[in-house]
C-alpha atoms as a PDB file:
ATOM      1  CA  ALA A   1     -17.294 -37.265 -71.316  1.00  0.00           C
ATOM      2  CA  PRO A   2     -16.014 -39.899 -69.961  1.00  0.00           C
ATOM      3  CA  ASP A   3     -16.295 -41.556 -66.705  1.00  0.00           C
ATOM      4  CA  PRO A   4     -13.926 -40.252 -63.583  1.00  0.00           C
ATOM      5  CA  ALA A   5     -11.216 -43.021 -64.100  1.00  0.00           C
ATOM      6  CA  THR A   6     -10.916 -43.490 -67.337  1.00  0.00           C
ATOM      7  CA  ALA A   7     -10.646 -39.345 -67.871  1.00  0.00           C
ATOM      8  CA  ARG A   8      -7.614 -40.054 -64.948  1.00  0.00           C
ATOM      9  CA  ILE A   9      -5.926 -42.611 -66.980  1.00  0.00           C
ATOM     10  CA  LEU A  10      -6.442 -40.348 -70.519  1.00  0.00           C
ATOM     11  CA  GLY A  11      -5.029 -37.780 -68.068  1.00  0.00           C
ATOM     12  CA  ASN A  12      -1.739 -39.802 -67.298  1.00  0.00           C
ATOM     13  CA  LEU A  13      -1.214 -41.234 -71.061  1.00  0.00           C
ATOM     14  CA  THR A  14      -1.035 -37.749 -72.395  1.00  0.00           C
ATOM     15  CA  ILE A  15       1.614 -36.478 -69.601  1.00  0.00           C
ATOM     16  CA  MET A  16       3.523 -39.829 -70.548  1.00  0.00           C
ATOM     17  CA  GLU A  17       3.534 -38.656 -74.546  1.00  0.00           C
ATOM     18  CA  GLU A  18       4.430 -35.394 -73.474  1.00  0.00           C
ATOM     19  CA  ALA A  19       7.094 -36.681 -70.522  1.00  0.00           C
ATOM     20  CA  VAL A  20       9.090 -38.959 -72.736  1.00  0.00           C
ATOM     21  CA  GLN A  21       9.727 -36.081 -76.230  1.00  0.00           C
ATOM     22  CA  PRO A  22      12.898 -35.329 -75.870  1.00  0.00           C
ATOM     23  CA  GLU A  23      13.112 -31.831 -77.359  1.00  0.00           C
ATOM     24  CA  GLY A  24      14.425 -29.197 -74.561  1.00  0.00           C
ATOM     25  CA  ASP A  25      13.372 -29.253 -71.045  1.00  0.00           C
ATOM     26  CA  ILE A  26      11.776 -31.748 -69.355  1.00  0.00           C
ATOM     27  CA  ALA A  27       9.615 -30.049 -67.350  1.00  0.00           C
ATOM     28  CA  GLY A  28       8.785 -26.215 -66.258  1.00  0.00           C
ATOM     29  CA  HIS A  29       6.474 -24.833 -63.471  1.00  0.00           C
ATOM     30  CA  GLU A  30       3.277 -24.329 -66.430  1.00  0.00           C
ATOM     31  CA  VAL A  31       3.942 -28.309 -67.534  1.00  0.00           C
ATOM     32  CA  LEU A  32       3.567 -29.294 -63.664  1.00  0.00           C
ATOM     33  CA  HIS A  33       0.637 -27.793 -63.656  1.00  0.00           C
ATOM     34  CA  ARG A  34      -0.605 -28.478 -66.485  1.00  0.00           C
ATOM     35  CA  TRP A  35       0.569 -32.577 -66.019  1.00  0.00           C
ATOM     36  CA  HIS A  36      -1.520 -32.004 -62.635  1.00  0.00           C
ATOM     37  CA  LEU A  37      -4.757 -30.645 -63.871  1.00  0.00           C
ATOM     38  CA  ALA A  38      -5.439 -33.779 -66.575  1.00  0.00           C
ATOM     39  CA  VAL A  39      -5.107 -36.592 -63.700  1.00  0.00           C
ATOM     40  CA  MET A  40      -6.767 -34.427 -61.184  1.00  0.00           C
ATOM     41  CA  ALA A  41      -8.867 -32.278 -62.388  1.00  0.00           C
ATOM     42  CA  PRO A  42     -11.769 -35.081 -63.307  1.00  0.00           C
ATOM     43  CA  ARG A  43     -11.287 -35.965 -59.798  1.00  0.00           C
ATOM     44  CA  SER A  44     -11.819 -32.695 -57.864  1.00  0.00           C
ATOM     45  CA  ASP A  45     -14.176 -32.641 -55.723  1.00  0.00           C
ATOM     46  CA  SER A  46     -12.533 -29.977 -52.629  1.00  0.00           C
ATOM     47  CA  GLY A  47     -13.283 -27.012 -54.289  1.00  0.00           C
ATOM     48  CA  THR A  48      -9.768 -26.044 -54.488  1.00  0.00           C
ATOM     49  CA  PRO A  49      -7.751 -25.368 -57.495  1.00  0.00           C
ATOM     50  CA  MET A  50      -6.090 -27.996 -59.780  1.00  0.00           C
ATOM     51  CA  GLY A  51      -2.943 -27.311 -61.104  1.00  0.00           C
ATOM     52  CA  THR A  52      -1.802 -24.843 -58.519  1.00  0.00           C
ATOM     53  CA  TYR A  53       1.302 -24.678 -55.784  1.00  0.00           C
ATOM     54  CA  ARG A  54      -0.262 -24.999 -52.340  1.00  0.00           C
ATOM     55  CA  VAL A  55      -0.446 -21.614 -50.613  1.00  0.00           C
ATOM     56  CA  THR A  56      -1.582 -22.838 -47.150  1.00  0.00           C
ATOM     57  CA  GLN A  57       0.249 -24.696 -44.432  1.00  0.00           C
ATOM     58  CA  ASN A  58      -0.674 -28.569 -44.413  1.00  0.00           C
ATOM     59  CA  TRP A  59       0.445 -31.590 -43.023  1.00  0.00           C
ATOM     60  CA  ILE A  60      -0.161 -35.104 -42.707  1.00  0.00           C
ATOM     61  CA  GLY A  61      -1.351 -36.744 -40.088  1.00  0.00           C
ATOM     62  CA  LEU A  62      -4.860 -38.654 -38.423  1.00  0.00           C
ATOM     63  CA  PRO A  63      -7.875 -37.014 -38.063  1.00  0.00           C
ATOM     64  CA  GLY A  64      -7.655 -34.112 -35.529  1.00  0.00           C
ATOM     65  CA  SER A  65      -3.663 -33.996 -35.310  1.00  0.00           C
ATOM     66  CA  THR A  66      -2.113 -30.241 -36.082  1.00  0.00           C
ATOM     67  CA  PRO A  67       1.950 -29.331 -37.413  1.00  0.00           C
ATOM     68  CA  ILE A  68       2.964 -30.436 -33.380  1.00  0.00           C
ATOM     69  CA  THR A  69       1.363 -33.867 -33.718  1.00  0.00           C
ATOM     70  CA  ALA A  70       1.541 -34.626 -37.122  1.00  0.00           C
ATOM     71  CA  SER A  71       3.087 -37.609 -38.940  1.00  0.00           C
ATOM     72  CA  TYR A  72       4.920 -35.291 -41.370  1.00  0.00           C
ATOM     73  CA  VAL A  73       4.846 -31.159 -41.829  1.00  0.00           C
ATOM     74  CA  PRO A  74       6.108 -30.264 -45.834  1.00  0.00           C
ATOM     75  CA  PRO A  75       7.854 -26.891 -45.839  1.00  0.00           C
ATOM     76  CA  PRO A  76       6.223 -23.868 -45.259  1.00  0.00           C
ATOM     77  CA  ALA A  77       4.468 -22.981 -48.254  1.00  0.00           C
ATOM     78  CA  ASP A  78       6.300 -19.400 -49.317  1.00  0.00           C
ATOM     79  CA  LEU A  79       8.916 -22.459 -49.587  1.00  0.00           C
ATOM     80  CA  VAL A  80       7.354 -24.389 -52.188  1.00  0.00           C
ATOM     81  CA  GLU A  81       8.252 -22.328 -55.417  1.00  0.00           C
ATOM     82  CA  PRO A  82      11.723 -21.439 -54.936  1.00  0.00           C
ATOM     83  CA  LEU A  83      12.078 -25.545 -53.747  1.00  0.00           C
ATOM     84  CA  MET A  84      10.268 -26.335 -57.052  1.00  0.00           C
ATOM     85  CA  ASP A  85      12.425 -23.933 -58.398  1.00  0.00           C
ATOM     86  CA  ASP A  86      15.571 -26.098 -57.260  1.00  0.00           C
ATOM     87  CA  LEU A  87      13.839 -30.083 -58.149  1.00  0.00           C
ATOM     88  CA  LEU A  88      13.640 -27.921 -61.912  1.00  0.00           C
ATOM     89  CA  SER A  89      16.207 -27.625 -62.470  1.00  0.00           C
ATOM     90  CA  PHE A  90      17.611 -31.045 -61.566  1.00  0.00           C
ATOM     91  CA  VAL A  91      15.718 -32.203 -63.587  1.00  0.00           C
ATOM     92  CA  ASN A  92      16.193 -30.356 -66.338  1.00  0.00           C
ATOM     93  CA  GLU A  93      19.669 -31.020 -66.417  1.00  0.00           C
ATOM     94  CA  ARG A  94      21.513 -33.475 -69.077  1.00  0.00           C
ATOM     95  CA  THR A  95      25.250 -34.129 -67.591  1.00  0.00           C
ATOM     96  CA  LEU A  96      23.423 -36.374 -64.783  1.00  0.00           C
ATOM     97  CA  SER A  97      21.818 -40.313 -65.594  1.00  0.00           C
ATOM     98  CA  PRO A  98      18.839 -39.828 -66.115  1.00  0.00           C
ATOM     99  CA  ILE A  99      17.694 -42.904 -63.529  1.00  0.00           C
ATOM    100  CA  ILE A 100      19.195 -40.755 -61.266  1.00  0.00           C
ATOM    101  CA  GLN A 101      17.256 -38.184 -61.646  1.00  0.00           C
ATOM    102  CA  ALA A 102      14.114 -40.333 -62.215  1.00  0.00           C
ATOM    103  CA  ALA A 103      15.251 -41.451 -58.509  1.00  0.00           C
ATOM    104  CA  VAL A 104      15.617 -38.073 -57.060  1.00  0.00           C
ATOM    105  CA  ALA A 105      13.323 -36.457 -58.314  1.00  0.00           C
ATOM    106  CA  HIS A 106      10.614 -39.122 -57.613  1.00  0.00           C
ATOM    107  CA  ALA A 107      12.715 -39.240 -53.534  1.00  0.00           C
ATOM    108  CA  HIS A 108      11.760 -35.138 -53.815  1.00  0.00           C
ATOM    109  CA  PHE A 109       8.064 -35.725 -54.549  1.00  0.00           C
ATOM    110  CA  GLU A 110       7.058 -38.764 -51.689  1.00  0.00           C
ATOM    111  CA  THR A 111       9.064 -36.361 -49.151  1.00  0.00           C
ATOM    112  CA  ASP A 112       7.798 -32.936 -49.884  1.00  0.00           C
ATOM    113  CA  PRO A 113       4.352 -32.586 -51.665  1.00  0.00           C
ATOM    114  CA  VAL A 114       4.066 -29.111 -52.693  1.00  0.00           C
ATOM    115  CA  VAL A 115       1.563 -29.312 -55.135  1.00  0.00           C
ATOM    116  CA  ARG A 116      -2.553 -29.683 -54.292  1.00  0.00           C
ATOM    117  CA  GLU A 117      -4.861 -31.727 -54.004  1.00  0.00           C
ATOM    118  CA  ARG A 118      -3.330 -35.808 -52.652  1.00  0.00           C
ATOM    119  CA  LEU A 119      -0.182 -35.773 -55.580  1.00  0.00           C
ATOM    120  CA  ALA A 120       0.647 -38.886 -54.067  1.00  0.00           C
ATOM    121  CA  ASP A 121      -2.315 -40.229 -55.397  1.00  0.00           C
ATOM    122  CA  ALA A 122      -1.515 -39.041 -58.900  1.00  0.00           C
ATOM    123  CA  ARG A 123       1.485 -40.758 -58.819  1.00  0.00           C
ATOM    124  CA  ARG A 124       0.193 -44.470 -58.084  1.00  0.00           C
ATOM    125  CA  ARG A 125      -2.066 -43.835 -60.952  1.00  0.00           C
ATOM    126  CA  ALA A 126       0.280 -42.601 -63.035  1.00  0.00           C
ATOM    127  CA  SER A 127       2.563 -45.832 -62.347  1.00  0.00           C
ATOM    128  CA  THR A 128      -0.238 -48.234 -63.363  1.00  0.00           C
ATOM    129  CA  VAL A 129      -0.981 -47.099 -66.755  1.00  0.00           C
END
């Protein structure tokens, strides 16, 4: 089995090959979960399942911060799937420029991380391959 860094690179390559296929929808919930698993599963050390949307409230801030003192608090967990439905509808739309769609989808993920475990880390890895 490859070491964790190599496994993440291979996972990214698999995702990119799948993402450039022109047939059908660009992405769905199952596809996003599978991509998340491909990138993050080799690194999971938290004991939480990879390839799932979060089910609890989280926030970004200094150690010991609370939702009140956090730098950023994303939408509540019960809104994650409906928000992802909206995003997936948008990225699967065929009437807009793919560049505009990619930019908007990227901005969405930068401001609303909805999957568990360091999605930003996964995106950084994907952008360097």
